[in-house]
Amino acid sequence: MGELLRRLRRDSGLTGKELAARAQVAQPTISRIETGQLLPTPDTVERLSAALELDESGRAELDVLLVRLRDEVSRLKGGLAGREAANATRLRSARRVVAFQSAMIPALLQTAEYARLALALGRDVDEGDAAKAAAVRLEAQAVLFDSEREFSFILTEGAVRTWPGSPTLMIAQLDRLAQVATLAHVRLGVVPWTVEAPCFPLHGFTIFDGSTSIVDSLTGDLTLTDPEEIGMHVETFEAFGSVAVYGEALRSLLADLAGDFRSLMSRYTS
């Protein structure tokens, strides 16, 4: 935000003092924003946009960045539960959600136990925070049953076979996938390992209303809004979707996977 504001100010030929006078804000406010010490309020951004005489594109760039930064700050302040609350807010405002995963079950489709492990397994996190985060994640899943929304999920077989916890947990998770797949406004497909991958599935992502893509990483989520980057994600989703199985073929695949996990149970408990 600071670098963007500094560039816009210099492009307008204004000093920090001149911009402050035009925007009717204190000069130290401009300095603190440009040096990354202060995140401006929406009202301040509006004042700065008017003072800089930004066009619609310039205003949109500032607005998108402000939303992204506030989202990241709330996540940092709130820990895991705060991050999940920010995700839930984004979900509630989206009408169309598209998700691709190659390593794990998407958050919207996770059972309670899977969600708890997805948030805590292999991480140095507070157990209480992880439990609250899992509760927030499960509560957010209520949007799945809103028939006015549209959801599309593509998973690789690897995502469905990667199991935290126990084989029993995964049998319940597979049953959850089969149930969700019956909803008319939800499209769920799985790419079997027996088909050739159209490209390397380097990471998972979730696209909200075709305008924002959230990329999963080991250190936190990355928010992408660049149309070209989102376009690449859409192309990847469609490529994997073209070789996925759906409907009866999906149910058959999930049943086979459940059988494999049942076979593992005897070895897991012995």
C-alpha atoms as a PDB file:
ATOM      1  CA  MET A   1       0.000   0.000   0.000  1.00  0.00           C
ATOM      2  CA  GLY A   2       2.800   2.407   0.911  1.00  0.00           C
ATOM      3  CA  GLU A   3       4.699   1.778  -2.320  1.00  0.00           C
ATOM      4  CA  LEU A   4       1.544   2.158  -4.403  1.00  0.00           C
ATOM      5  CA  LEU A   5       0.546   5.431  -2.755  1.00  0.00           C
ATOM      6  CA  ARG A   6       4.074   6.826  -3.131  1.00  0.00           C
ATOM      7  CA  ARG A   7       4.105   5.957  -6.828  1.00  0.00           C
ATOM      8  CA  LEU A   8       0.679   7.483  -7.416  1.00  0.00           C
ATOM      9  CA  ARG A   9       1.662  10.652  -5.545  1.00  0.00           C
ATOM     10  CA  ARG A  10       4.885  11.062  -7.503  1.00  0.00           C
ATOM     11  CA  ASP A  11       3.101  10.387 -10.794  1.00  0.00           C
ATOM     12  CA  SER A  12       0.777  13.273  -9.906  1.00  0.00           C
ATOM     13  CA  GLY A  13       3.766  15.534  -9.199  1.00  0.00           C
ATOM     14  CA  LEU A  14       2.753  16.117  -5.585  1.00  0.00           C
ATOM     15  CA  THR A  15       4.781  16.237  -2.390  1.00  0.00           C
ATOM     16  CA  GLY A  16       3.526  14.511   0.721  1.00  0.00           C
ATOM     17  CA  LYS A  17       2.567  17.882   2.177  1.00  0.00           C
ATOM     18  CA  GLU A  18       0.648  18.892  -0.953  1.00  0.00           C
ATOM     19  CA  LEU A  19      -1.242  15.591  -1.072  1.00  0.00           C
ATOM     20  CA  ALA A  20      -2.147  15.900   2.610  1.00  0.00           C
ATOM     21  CA  ALA A  21      -3.527  19.405   2.008  1.00  0.00           C
ATOM     22  CA  ARG A  22      -5.587  18.283  -0.991  1.00  0.00           C
ATOM     23  CA  ALA A  23      -6.944  15.214   0.797  1.00  0.00           C
ATOM     24  CA  GLN A  24      -7.531  17.148   4.036  1.00  0.00           C
ATOM     25  CA  VAL A  25      -5.595  14.673   6.136  1.00  0.00           C
ATOM     26  CA  ALA A  26      -2.606  15.231   8.395  1.00  0.00           C
ATOM     27  CA  GLN A  27       0.780  15.197   6.641  1.00  0.00           C
ATOM     28  CA  PRO A  28       2.178  12.599   9.111  1.00  0.00           C
ATOM     29  CA  THR A  29      -0.683  10.316   8.018  1.00  0.00           C
ATOM     30  CA  ILE A  30       0.635  10.344   4.444  1.00  0.00           C
ATOM     31  CA  SER A  31       4.143   9.622   5.685  1.00  0.00           C
ATOM     32  CA  ARG A  32       3.023   6.740   7.900  1.00  0.00           C
ATOM     33  CA  ILE A  33       0.986   5.146   5.104  1.00  0.00           C
ATOM     34  CA  GLU A  34       3.863   5.401   2.629  1.00  0.00           C
ATOM     35  CA  THR A  35       6.320   3.867   5.084  1.00  0.00           C
ATOM     36  CA  GLY A  36       3.987   0.986   5.946  1.00  0.00           C
ATOM     37  CA  GLN A  37       3.320   2.100   9.522  1.00  0.00           C
ATOM     38  CA  LEU A  38      -0.383   2.810   9.023  1.00  0.00           C
ATOM     39  CA  LEU A  39      -3.170   1.035   7.150  1.00  0.00           C
ATOM     40  CA  PRO A  40      -5.603   3.720   5.929  1.00  0.00           C
ATOM     41  CA  THR A  41      -9.332   3.631   6.559  1.00  0.00           C
ATOM     42  CA  PRO A  42     -11.715   3.373   3.570  1.00  0.00           C
ATOM     43  CA  ASP A  43     -12.588   7.064   4.101  1.00  0.00           C
ATOM     44  CA  THR A  44      -8.916   8.061   3.888  1.00  0.00           C
ATOM     45  CA  VAL A  45      -8.489   6.002   0.717  1.00  0.00           C
ATOM     46  CA  GLU A  46     -11.479   7.813  -0.793  1.00  0.00           C
ATOM     47  CA  ARG A  47      -9.971  11.190   0.105  1.00  0.00           C
ATOM     48  CA  LEU A  48      -6.605  10.217  -1.368  1.00  0.00           C
ATOM     49  CA  SER A  49      -8.217   8.897  -4.547  1.00  0.00           C
ATOM     50  CA  ALA A  50     -10.044  12.200  -5.050  1.00  0.00           C
ATOM     51  CA  ALA A  51      -6.946  14.256  -4.255  1.00  0.00           C
ATOM     52  CA  LEU A  52      -4.867  12.255  -6.734  1.00  0.00           C
ATOM     53  CA  GLU A  53      -7.653  12.497  -9.320  1.00  0.00           C
ATOM     54  CA  LEU A  54      -7.467   8.763  -9.946  1.00  0.00           C
ATOM     55  CA  ASP A  55      -9.511   7.175 -12.687  1.00  0.00           C
ATOM     56  CA  GLU A  56     -11.785   4.186 -12.038  1.00  0.00           C
ATOM     57  CA  SER A  57      -8.931   1.710 -12.562  1.00  0.00           C
ATOM     58  CA  GLY A  58      -6.665   3.505 -10.085  1.00  0.00           C
ATOM     59  CA  ARG A  59      -9.382   3.667  -7.447  1.00  0.00           C
ATOM     60  CA  ALA A  60     -10.139  -0.019  -7.911  1.00  0.00           C
ATOM     61  CA  GLU A  61      -6.460  -0.890  -7.461  1.00  0.00           C
ATOM     62  CA  LEU A  62      -6.358   0.941  -4.131  1.00  0.00           C
ATOM     63  CA  ASP A  63      -9.664  -0.556  -2.960  1.00  0.00           C
ATOM     64  CA  VAL A  64      -8.663  -4.137  -3.813  1.00  0.00           C
ATOM     65  CA  LEU A  65      -5.322  -3.763  -2.059  1.00  0.00           C
ATOM     66  CA  LEU A  66      -6.957  -2.277   1.043  1.00  0.00           C
ATOM     67  CA  VAL A  67      -9.421  -5.176   1.293  1.00  0.00           C
ATOM     68  CA  ARG A  68      -6.593  -7.669   0.888  1.00  0.00           C
ATOM     69  CA  LEU A  69      -4.440  -6.000   3.561  1.00  0.00           C
ATOM     70  CA  ARG A  70      -7.267  -5.729   6.064  1.00  0.00           C
ATOM     71  CA  ASP A  71      -8.051  -9.399   5.489  1.00  0.00           C
ATOM     72  CA  GLU A  72      -4.415 -10.348   6.144  1.00  0.00           C
ATOM     73  CA  VAL A  73      -4.229  -8.186   9.272  1.00  0.00           C
ATOM     74  CA  SER A  74      -7.378  -9.752  10.712  1.00  0.00           C
ATOM     75  CA  ARG A  75      -5.929 -13.195  10.070  1.00  0.00           C
ATOM     76  CA  LEU A  76      -2.672 -12.353  11.828  1.00  0.00           C
ATOM     77  CA  LYS A  77      -4.414 -10.805  14.825  1.00  0.00           C
ATOM     78  CA  GLY A  78      -6.965 -13.554  15.192  1.00  0.00           C
ATOM     79  CA  GLY A  79      -4.714 -16.577  14.767  1.00  0.00           C
ATOM     80  CA  LEU A  80      -6.184 -19.634  13.049  1.00  0.00           C
ATOM     81  CA  ALA A  81      -9.704 -18.781  14.178  1.00  0.00           C
ATOM     82  CA  GLY A  82      -9.303 -15.259  12.799  1.00  0.00           C
ATOM     83  CA  ARG A  83      -8.137 -16.599   9.457  1.00  0.00           C
ATOM     84  CA  GLU A  84     -11.107 -18.949   9.276  1.00  0.00           C
ATOM     85  CA  ALA A  85     -13.479 -16.107  10.170  1.00  0.00           C
ATOM     86  CA  ALA A  86     -12.039 -14.048   7.289  1.00  0.00           C
ATOM     87  CA  ASN A  87     -12.490 -17.033   4.964  1.00  0.00           C
ATOM     88  CA  ALA A  88     -16.086 -17.446   6.145  1.00  0.00           C
ATOM     89  CA  THR A  89     -16.813 -13.792   5.379  1.00  0.00           C
ATOM     90  CA  ARG A  90     -15.484 -14.230   1.847  1.00  0.00           C
ATOM     91  CA  LEU A  91     -17.580 -17.365   1.389  1.00  0.00           C
ATOM     92  CA  ARG A  92     -20.777 -15.697   2.516  1.00  0.00           C
ATOM     93  CA  SER A  93     -20.349 -12.937  -0.056  1.00  0.00           C
ATOM     94  CA  ALA A  94     -19.543 -15.269  -2.991  1.00  0.00           C
ATOM     95  CA  ARG A  95     -22.155 -16.604  -5.380  1.00  0.00           C
ATOM     96  CA  ARG A  96     -19.859 -18.951  -7.322  1.00  0.00           C
ATOM     97  CA  VAL A  97     -16.986 -20.914  -5.791  1.00  0.00           C
ATOM     98  CA  VAL A  98     -14.561 -23.043  -7.807  1.00  0.00           C
ATOM     99  CA  ALA A  99     -11.959 -25.139  -5.963  1.00  0.00           C
ATOM    100  CA  PHE A 100      -9.127 -27.425  -7.075  1.00  0.00           C
ATOM    101  CA  GLN A 101      -7.089 -29.574  -4.700  1.00  0.00           C
ATOM    102  CA  SER A 102      -4.338 -32.099  -5.346  1.00  0.00           C
ATOM    103  CA  ALA A 103      -3.204 -32.810  -1.771  1.00  0.00           C
ATOM    104  CA  MET A 104      -6.174 -32.521   0.588  1.00  0.00           C
ATOM    105  CA  ILE A 105      -9.953 -32.274   0.827  1.00  0.00           C
ATOM    106  CA  PRO A 106     -11.218 -28.685   0.318  1.00  0.00           C
ATOM    107  CA  ALA A 107     -12.234 -26.897   3.511  1.00  0.00           C
ATOM    108  CA  LEU A 108     -15.878 -26.710   2.450  1.00  0.00           C
ATOM    109  CA  LEU A 109     -16.071 -30.509   2.183  1.00  0.00           C
ATOM    110  CA  GLN A 110     -14.168 -31.558   5.302  1.00  0.00           C
ATOM    111  CA  THR A 111     -15.660 -33.509   8.183  1.00  0.00           C
ATOM    112  CA  ALA A 112     -15.151 -32.156  11.696  1.00  0.00           C
ATOM    113  CA  GLU A 113     -12.231 -34.458  12.524  1.00  0.00           C
ATOM    114  CA  TYR A 114     -10.550 -33.948   9.156  1.00  0.00           C
ATOM    115  CA  ALA A 115     -10.857 -30.168   9.579  1.00  0.00           C
ATOM    116  CA  ARG A 116      -9.266 -30.280  13.035  1.00  0.00           C
ATOM    117  CA  LEU A 117      -6.309 -32.260  11.727  1.00  0.00           C
ATOM    118  CA  ALA A 118      -6.000 -30.150   8.575  1.00  0.00           C
ATOM    119  CA  LEU A 119      -5.532 -27.086  10.758  1.00  0.00           C
ATOM    120  CA  ALA A 120      -3.231 -28.597  13.369  1.00  0.00           C
ATOM    121  CA  LEU A 121      -1.403 -31.662  12.046  1.00  0.00           C
ATOM    122  CA  GLY A 122       2.343 -31.055  11.757  1.00  0.00           C
ATOM    123  CA  ARG A 123       2.047 -27.451  12.910  1.00  0.00           C
ATOM    124  CA  ASP A 124       3.056 -25.740  16.112  1.00  0.00           C
ATOM    125  CA  VAL A 125      -0.362 -24.264  16.931  1.00  0.00           C
ATOM    126  CA  ASP A 126      -2.427 -23.695  20.040  1.00  0.00           C
ATOM    127  CA  GLU A 127      -4.904 -26.577  20.389  1.00  0.00           C
ATOM    128  CA  GLY A 128      -7.641 -24.272  21.619  1.00  0.00           C
ATOM    129  CA  ASP A 129      -7.155 -21.934  18.663  1.00  0.00           C
ATOM    130  CA  ALA A 130      -7.197 -24.888  16.259  1.00  0.00           C
ATOM    131  CA  ALA A 131     -10.431 -26.205  17.795  1.00  0.00           C
ATOM    132  CA  LYS A 132     -12.096 -22.790  17.449  1.00  0.00           C
ATOM    133  CA  ALA A 133     -10.858 -22.492  13.881  1.00  0.00           C
ATOM    134  CA  ALA A 134     -12.281 -25.908  13.012  1.00  0.00           C
ATOM    135  CA  ALA A 135     -15.639 -24.892  14.501  1.00  0.00           C
ATOM    136  CA  VAL A 136     -15.672 -21.714  12.397  1.00  0.00           C
ATOM    137  CA  ARG A 137     -14.768 -23.737   9.286  1.00  0.00           C
ATOM    138  CA  LEU A 138     -17.603 -26.194   9.862  1.00  0.00           C
ATOM    139  CA  GLU A 139     -20.113 -23.398  10.502  1.00  0.00           C
ATOM    140  CA  ALA A 140     -19.093 -21.755   7.215  1.00  0.00           C
ATOM    141  CA  GLN A 141     -20.023 -24.959   5.368  1.00  0.00           C
ATOM    142  CA  ALA A 142     -23.690 -23.984   5.726  1.00  0.00           C
ATOM    143  CA  VAL A 143     -23.341 -22.015   2.474  1.00  0.00           C
ATOM    144  CA  LEU A 144     -23.093 -25.348   0.642  1.00  0.00           C
ATOM    145  CA  PHE A 145     -26.805 -25.862   1.150  1.00  0.00           C
ATOM    146  CA  ASP A 146     -27.812 -22.532  -0.377  1.00  0.00           C
ATOM    147  CA  SER A 147     -29.219 -23.547  -3.762  1.00  0.00           C
ATOM    148  CA  GLU A 148     -28.876 -19.961  -5.023  1.00  0.00           C
ATOM    149  CA  ARG A 149     -25.082 -20.430  -5.045  1.00  0.00           C
ATOM    150  CA  GLU A 150     -22.938 -22.539  -7.348  1.00  0.00           C
ATOM    151  CA  PHE A 151     -20.024 -24.748  -6.270  1.00  0.00           C
ATOM    152  CA  SER A 152     -17.554 -26.712  -8.380  1.00  0.00           C
ATOM    153  CA  PHE A 153     -14.846 -28.957  -6.935  1.00  0.00           C
ATOM    154  CA  ILE A 154     -12.137 -30.941  -8.702  1.00  0.00           C
ATOM    155  CA  LEU A 155      -9.854 -33.215  -6.664  1.00  0.00           C
ATOM    156  CA  THR A 156      -7.119 -35.541  -7.744  1.00  0.00           C
ATOM    157  CA  GLU A 157      -7.232 -39.098  -6.460  1.00  0.00           C
ATOM    158  CA  GLY A 158      -4.073 -38.232  -4.559  1.00  0.00           C
ATOM    159  CA  ALA A 159      -5.997 -35.636  -2.547  1.00  0.00           C
ATOM    160  CA  VAL A 160      -8.603 -38.225  -1.617  1.00  0.00           C
ATOM    161  CA  ARG A 161      -6.052 -40.898  -0.748  1.00  0.00           C
ATOM    162  CA  THR A 162      -3.891 -38.641   1.462  1.00  0.00           C
ATOM    163  CA  TRP A 163      -5.045 -39.510   4.937  1.00  0.00           C
ATOM    164  CA  PRO A 164      -4.408 -37.785   8.243  1.00  0.00           C
ATOM    165  CA  GLY A 165      -5.521 -39.447  11.447  1.00  0.00           C
ATOM    166  CA  SER A 166      -6.805 -42.913  10.648  1.00  0.00           C
ATOM    167  CA  PRO A 167      -8.458 -44.981   7.900  1.00  0.00           C
ATOM    168  CA  THR A 168     -11.745 -44.711   9.810  1.00  0.00           C
ATOM    169  CA  LEU A 169     -11.608 -40.940   9.534  1.00  0.00           C
ATOM    170  CA  MET A 170     -11.200 -41.221   5.764  1.00  0.00           C
ATOM    171  CA  ILE A 171     -14.136 -43.586   5.368  1.00  0.00           C
ATOM    172  CA  ALA A 172     -16.330 -40.939   6.996  1.00  0.00           C
ATOM    173  CA  GLN A 173     -14.754 -38.282   4.789  1.00  0.00           C
ATOM    174  CA  LEU A 174     -15.461 -40.275   1.632  1.00  0.00           C
ATOM    175  CA  ASP A 175     -19.076 -40.646   2.707  1.00  0.00           C
ATOM    176  CA  ARG A 176     -19.240 -36.873   3.147  1.00  0.00           C
ATOM    177  CA  LEU A 177     -17.994 -36.366  -0.422  1.00  0.00           C
ATOM    178  CA  ALA A 178     -20.600 -38.785  -1.779  1.00  0.00           C
ATOM    179  CA  GLN A 179     -23.372 -36.934   0.057  1.00  0.00           C
ATOM    180  CA  VAL A 180     -22.312 -33.472  -1.121  1.00  0.00           C
ATOM    181  CA  ALA A 181     -22.054 -34.710  -4.718  1.00  0.00           C
ATOM    182  CA  THR A 182     -25.817 -35.335  -4.718  1.00  0.00           C
ATOM    183  CA  LEU A 183     -26.641 -31.617  -4.313  1.00  0.00           C
ATOM    184  CA  ALA A 184     -27.964 -30.178  -7.572  1.00  0.00           C
ATOM    185  CA  HIS A 185     -25.980 -26.929  -7.330  1.00  0.00           C
ATOM    186  CA  VAL A 186     -22.702 -28.692  -6.442  1.00  0.00           C
ATOM    187  CA  ARG A 187     -20.456 -30.305  -9.067  1.00  0.00           C
ATOM    188  CA  LEU A 188     -17.803 -32.605  -7.656  1.00  0.00           C
ATOM    189  CA  GLY A 189     -15.289 -34.529  -9.730  1.00  0.00           C
ATOM    190  CA  VAL A 190     -12.230 -36.624  -8.934  1.00  0.00           C
ATOM    191  CA  VAL A 191      -9.372 -37.260 -11.362  1.00  0.00           C
ATOM    192  CA  PRO A 192      -8.425 -40.972 -11.135  1.00  0.00           C
ATOM    193  CA  TRP A 193      -4.751 -41.863 -11.042  1.00  0.00           C
ATOM    194  CA  THR A 194      -5.384 -44.074 -14.097  1.00  0.00           C
ATOM    195  CA  VAL A 195      -5.745 -41.055 -16.420  1.00  0.00           C
ATOM    196  CA  GLU A 196      -2.926 -38.882 -17.696  1.00  0.00           C
ATOM    197  CA  ALA A 197      -2.643 -35.567 -15.857  1.00  0.00           C
ATOM    198  CA  PRO A 198      -3.125 -32.549 -18.165  1.00  0.00           C
ATOM    199  CA  CYS A 199      -0.471 -30.609 -16.230  1.00  0.00           C
ATOM    200  CA  PHE A 200       1.369 -30.749 -12.895  1.00  0.00           C
ATOM    201  CA  PRO A 201      -0.947 -29.860  -9.998  1.00  0.00           C
ATOM    202  CA  LEU A 202       1.544 -27.649  -8.146  1.00  0.00           C
ATOM    203  CA  HIS A 203      -0.899 -26.240  -5.600  1.00  0.00           C
ATOM    204  CA  GLY A 204      -4.543 -25.963  -4.685  1.00  0.00           C
ATOM    205  CA  PHE A 205      -6.667 -22.871  -5.138  1.00  0.00           C
ATOM    206  CA  THR A 206     -10.185 -21.540  -4.694  1.00  0.00           C
ATOM    207  CA  ILE A 207     -11.691 -18.965  -7.049  1.00  0.00           C
ATOM    208  CA  PHE A 208     -14.438 -16.680  -5.770  1.00  0.00           C
ATOM    209  CA  ASP A 209     -16.834 -15.218  -8.346  1.00  0.00           C
ATOM    210  CA  GLY A 210     -14.129 -15.401 -10.994  1.00  0.00           C
ATOM    211  CA  SER A 211     -12.340 -12.362  -9.549  1.00  0.00           C
ATOM    212  CA  THR A 212     -10.210 -13.587  -6.626  1.00  0.00           C
ATOM    213  CA  SER A 213      -8.181 -16.763  -6.262  1.00  0.00           C
ATOM    214  CA  ILE A 214      -6.904 -17.939  -2.889  1.00  0.00           C
ATOM    215  CA  VAL A 215      -3.818 -20.143  -3.213  1.00  0.00           C
ATOM    216  CA  ASP A 216      -2.882 -22.592  -0.479  1.00  0.00           C
ATOM    217  CA  SER A 217       0.705 -22.516   0.788  1.00  0.00           C
ATOM    218  CA  LEU A 218       2.579 -23.892   3.789  1.00  0.00           C
ATOM    219  CA  THR A 219       2.938 -20.457   5.381  1.00  0.00           C
ATOM    220  CA  GLY A 220      -0.524 -19.063   4.685  1.00  0.00           C
ATOM    221  CA  ASP A 221      -2.944 -18.211   1.921  1.00  0.00           C
ATOM    222  CA  LEU A 222      -1.997 -16.053  -1.057  1.00  0.00           C
ATOM    223  CA  THR A 223      -4.639 -13.760  -2.536  1.00  0.00           C
ATOM    224  CA  LEU A 224      -4.478 -13.251  -6.303  1.00  0.00           C
ATOM    225  CA  THR A 225      -6.613 -10.758  -8.221  1.00  0.00           C
ATOM    226  CA  ASP A 226      -4.651 -10.330 -11.449  1.00  0.00           C
ATOM    227  CA  PRO A 227      -6.925 -11.399 -14.357  1.00  0.00           C
ATOM    228  CA  GLU A 228      -4.106 -13.274 -16.118  1.00  0.00           C
ATOM    229  CA  GLU A 229      -3.256 -15.306 -13.009  1.00  0.00           C
ATOM    230  CA  ILE A 230      -6.921 -16.101 -12.385  1.00  0.00           C
ATOM    231  CA  GLY A 231      -7.261 -17.054 -16.040  1.00  0.00           C
ATOM    232  CA  MET A 232      -4.458 -19.593 -15.650  1.00  0.00           C
ATOM    233  CA  HIS A 233      -6.204 -21.059 -12.609  1.00  0.00           C
ATOM    234  CA  VAL A 234      -9.482 -21.328 -14.514  1.00  0.00           C
ATOM    235  CA  GLU A 235      -7.684 -23.081 -17.394  1.00  0.00           C
ATOM    236  CA  THR A 236      -6.042 -25.505 -14.961  1.00  0.00           C
ATOM    237  CA  PHE A 237      -9.380 -26.222 -13.283  1.00  0.00           C
ATOM    238  CA  GLU A 238     -11.061 -26.890 -16.604  1.00  0.00           C
ATOM    239  CA  ALA A 239      -8.190 -29.094 -17.793  1.00  0.00           C
ATOM    240  CA  PHE A 240      -8.415 -31.342 -14.738  1.00  0.00           C
ATOM    241  CA  GLY A 241     -12.185 -31.185 -14.856  1.00  0.00           C
ATOM    242  CA  SER A 242     -12.156 -32.581 -18.391  1.00  0.00           C
ATOM    243  CA  VAL A 243     -10.542 -35.847 -17.201  1.00  0.00           C
ATOM    244  CA  ALA A 244     -12.386 -36.172 -13.872  1.00  0.00           C
ATOM    245  CA  VAL A 245     -15.203 -38.620 -13.152  1.00  0.00           C
ATOM    246  CA  TYR A 246     -18.630 -37.565 -11.936  1.00  0.00           C
ATOM    247  CA  GLY A 247     -21.966 -39.048 -10.954  1.00  0.00           C
ATOM    248  CA  GLU A 248     -22.132 -42.840 -10.888  1.00  0.00           C
ATOM    249  CA  ALA A 249     -18.458 -43.168 -11.902  1.00  0.00           C
ATOM    250  CA  LEU A 250     -17.504 -40.926  -8.992  1.00  0.00           C
ATOM    251  CA  ARG A 251     -19.587 -42.944  -6.535  1.00  0.00           C
ATOM    252  CA  SER A 252     -17.924 -46.125  -7.784  1.00  0.00           C
ATOM    253  CA  LEU A 253     -14.459 -44.614  -7.346  1.00  0.00           C
ATOM    254  CA  LEU A 254     -15.264 -43.390  -3.836  1.00  0.00           C
ATOM    255  CA  ALA A 255     -16.587 -46.849  -2.919  1.00  0.00           C
ATOM    256  CA  ASP A 256     -13.352 -48.448  -4.159  1.00  0.00           C
ATOM    257  CA  LEU A 257     -11.303 -45.985  -2.120  1.00  0.00           C
ATOM    258  CA  ALA A 258     -13.407 -46.707   0.968  1.00  0.00           C
ATOM    259  CA  GLY A 259     -12.676 -50.416   0.446  1.00  0.00           C
ATOM    260  CA  ASP A 260      -8.953 -49.681   0.379  1.00  0.00           C
ATOM    261  CA  PHE A 261      -9.202 -47.763   3.641  1.00  0.00           C
ATOM    262  CA  ARG A 262     -11.168 -50.623   5.238  1.00  0.00           C
ATOM    263  CA  SER A 263      -8.326 -52.934   4.275  1.00  0.00           C
ATOM    264  CA  LEU A 264      -5.914 -50.576   5.983  1.00  0.00           C
ATOM    265  CA  MET A 265      -7.944 -50.574   9.213  1.00  0.00           C
ATOM    266  CA  SER A 266      -6.861 -54.070  10.232  1.00  0.00           C
ATOM    267  CA  ARG A 267      -3.192 -53.218   9.812  1.00  0.00           C
ATOM    268  CA  TYR A 268      -3.691 -49.819  11.472  1.00  0.00           C
ATOM    269  CA  THR A 269      -5.283 -51.347  14.608  1.00  0.00           C
ATOM    270  CA  SER A 270      -3.117 -54.478  14.835  1.00  0.00           C
END
